[in-house]
Protein backbone atom coordinates (compact mmCIF):
# COMPACT_ATOMS: atom_id res chain seq x y z
CA UNK A 1 122.62 59.21 110.65
CA UNK A 2 123.53 61.33 113.80
CA UNK A 3 121.59 59.73 117.09
CA UNK A 4 119.95 61.27 120.24
CA UNK A 5 119.08 60.70 122.93
CA UNK A 6 115.67 61.84 124.27
CA UNK A 7 115.36 61.75 128.64
CA UNK A 8 112.27 62.95 129.42
CA UNK A 9 109.32 61.46 131.47
CA UNK A 10 106.93 63.60 130.53
CA UNK A 11 105.44 62.36 126.99
CA UNK A 12 103.93 65.59 126.09
CA UNK A 13 107.81 67.72 125.93
CA UNK A 14 109.57 63.47 125.12
CA UNK A 15 107.87 63.25 122.09
CA UNK A 16 107.40 66.25 120.26
CA UNK A 17 110.78 67.09 120.62
CA UNK A 18 111.84 64.32 119.28
CA UNK A 19 109.54 64.83 116.18
CA UNK A 20 111.29 68.16 115.88
CA UNK A 21 114.44 66.79 115.39
CA UNK A 22 113.55 63.98 113.54
CA UNK A 23 112.74 66.00 111.03
CA UNK A 24 115.66 67.75 111.38
CA UNK A 25 116.98 64.17 110.45
CA UNK A 26 118.33 62.76 113.04
CA UNK A 27 117.50 59.09 114.41
CA UNK A 28 116.01 60.51 118.01
CA UNK A 29 115.65 57.64 121.17
CA UNK A 30 113.17 58.01 123.78
CA UNK A 31 113.09 57.48 127.44
CA UNK A 32 110.42 57.76 129.86
CA UNK A 33 112.93 56.93 133.17
CA UNK A 34 116.56 57.11 134.07
CA UNK A 35 117.03 53.90 133.87
CA UNK A 36 115.93 53.47 130.44
CA UNK A 37 118.04 55.97 129.32
CA UNK A 38 120.90 54.30 130.87
CA UNK A 39 120.03 50.71 129.51
CA UNK A 40 119.16 52.74 126.13
CA UNK A 41 122.21 54.84 125.94
CA UNK A 42 124.86 51.75 126.63
CA UNK A 43 122.14 49.62 123.91
CA UNK A 44 122.22 52.22 121.56
CA UNK A 45 125.45 54.91 121.64
CA UNK A 46 124.14 58.45 120.85
CA UNK A 47 125.81 61.01 119.68
CA UNK A 48 124.23 63.32 122.29
CA UNK A 49 121.93 62.86 125.51
CA UNK A 50 119.64 65.47 125.92
CA UNK A 51 118.60 65.25 129.77
CA UNK A 52 115.87 66.25 131.83
CA UNK A 53 116.81 66.54 135.77
CA UNK A 54 113.69 65.28 137.91
CA UNK A 55 113.27 61.83 136.09
CA UNK A 56 112.15 58.78 138.58
CA UNK A 57 113.48 55.80 138.71
CA UNK A 58 117.16 56.98 138.46
CA UNK A 59 117.18 60.91 138.58
CA UNK A 60 118.86 62.74 136.06
CA UNK A 61 122.20 63.60 138.10
CA UNK A 62 122.61 59.46 138.66
CA UNK A 63 122.02 59.00 135.03
CA UNK A 64 124.62 62.18 134.11
CA UNK A 65 127.09 60.23 137.05
CA UNK A 66 126.33 56.71 135.72
CA UNK A 67 128.16 57.81 132.12
CA UNK A 68 130.55 59.77 132.69
CA UNK A 69 131.68 56.71 134.28
CA UNK A 70 131.24 54.43 131.40
CA UNK A 71 134.17 54.81 128.97
CA UNK A 72 132.15 54.30 126.26
CA UNK A 73 129.97 56.94 127.20
CA UNK A 74 131.96 59.40 128.48
CA UNK A 75 132.71 61.46 126.20
CA UNK A 76 128.55 62.19 125.33
CA UNK A 77 127.35 65.46 124.58
CA UNK A 78 124.78 66.13 127.04
CA UNK A 79 122.34 68.87 126.98
CA UNK A 80 119.67 69.36 129.76
CA UNK A 81 116.95 70.47 129.72
CA UNK A 82 114.85 70.92 132.84
CA UNK A 83 112.19 73.22 134.83
CA UNK A 84 114.45 73.33 137.61
CA UNK A 85 116.16 76.45 137.40
CA UNK A 86 118.83 76.09 140.81
CA UNK A 87 121.81 78.08 139.88
CA UNK A 88 123.47 75.05 143.06
CA UNK A 89 122.08 72.48 139.96
CA UNK A 90 123.96 73.89 136.95
CA UNK A 91 126.79 74.07 139.14
CA UNK A 92 126.76 71.03 139.38
CA UNK A 93 126.38 69.05 135.82
CA UNK A 94 129.14 71.94 134.62
CA UNK A 95 130.79 69.54 137.02
CA UNK A 96 130.25 66.63 134.59
CA UNK A 97 130.85 68.58 131.40
CA UNK A 98 127.83 69.45 130.31
CA UNK A 99 128.12 73.03 129.01
CA UNK A 100 124.84 73.20 127.61
CA UNK A 101 121.77 73.76 129.99
CA UNK A 102 118.01 74.77 129.33
CA UNK A 103 115.16 75.85 130.95
CA UNK A 104 111.93 74.12 129.99
CA UNK A 105 109.92 77.83 130.66
CA UNK A 106 112.39 79.86 128.78
CA UNK A 107 113.87 77.82 125.52
CA UNK A 108 113.04 78.50 121.63
CA UNK A 109 113.07 75.54 119.46
CA UNK A 110 115.99 77.71 116.83
CA UNK A 111 117.95 77.45 120.12
CA UNK A 112 117.36 73.62 121.27
CA UNK A 113 118.16 73.58 117.49
CA UNK A 114 120.91 75.42 117.52
CA UNK A 115 122.46 73.47 120.28
CA UNK A 116 122.10 70.55 119.23
CA UNK A 117 123.78 71.53 116.46
CA UNK A 118 126.91 73.09 117.93
CA UNK A 119 127.42 69.62 120.60
CA UNK A 120 127.17 68.11 117.04
CA UNK A 121 130.05 69.49 115.42
CA UNK A 122 127.32 70.43 112.59
CA UNK A 123 127.22 74.40 114.11
CA UNK A 124 129.86 76.73 114.99
CA UNK A 125 130.38 78.06 118.51
CA UNK A 126 128.87 82.06 117.32
CA UNK A 127 124.83 80.90 116.59
CA UNK A 128 125.62 79.62 120.95
CA UNK A 129 123.58 81.63 122.89
CA UNK A 130 125.35 81.51 126.51
CA UNK A 131 123.45 80.62 129.37
CA UNK A 132 122.19 82.95 131.39
CA UNK A 133 119.53 81.91 133.78
CA UNK A 134 118.48 85.09 136.11
CA UNK A 135 117.37 84.31 139.16
CA UNK A 136 114.94 86.99 141.57
CA UNK A 137 117.94 88.07 143.38
CA UNK A 138 120.25 88.76 140.20
CA UNK A 139 117.32 90.36 138.82
CA UNK A 140 117.17 92.73 141.34
CA UNK A 141 121.21 92.91 141.66
CA UNK A 142 120.90 94.41 137.35
CA UNK A 143 117.48 96.69 137.89
CA UNK A 144 119.79 98.89 140.87
CA UNK A 145 122.70 98.39 139.07
CA UNK A 146 121.72 99.42 135.80
CA UNK A 147 118.95 102.76 137.64
CA UNK A 148 119.69 106.32 137.18
CA UNK A 149 121.96 107.34 139.79
CA UNK A 150 120.70 111.37 141.52
C-alpha cells in the first residue's frame, strides 16, 4: 500500500482529503505543521507528500528544502496544495522539482487524484492537466488578445 503524507495546518482541509485518499486505497499520514511533517517524512518515508506552503513551525518552503536535502527523501514526489497564488511562489517550488501546484480555491478532487496517481506511477501523463494559474494581468492580456479587431 502506497503512503501519502498530507501536510496542512487546517484540519478542515487535511482530514477530508486524507479520507478520500484512504477510500482510494492509500495509507495516509497527517501533519499540521512543518516540524511534524519533516519528522513523519524522515521516520515513515512516504511515497508522496501533499504539502501546503502556509503552515506553522516551519513553512512549506523550508520543509521542501529539507526534504530535497535529505538523501532518503530527495526524490519523493511532492504536490503543493496551497492558497498562495503567487507566480513567484510557483517558480520557487518548481526550482525544487515540484511540478504539481494546485490552488485550494480552484482544484477538484478528480484533478488531485489524477496527479496523485501520476506521481505514484499509476496514471498516464495524458490524464494529468497542466498547471495553469491565471493572474489578473494574464487574464486581461488573454481577453484583449481574444477580442475581435475592427
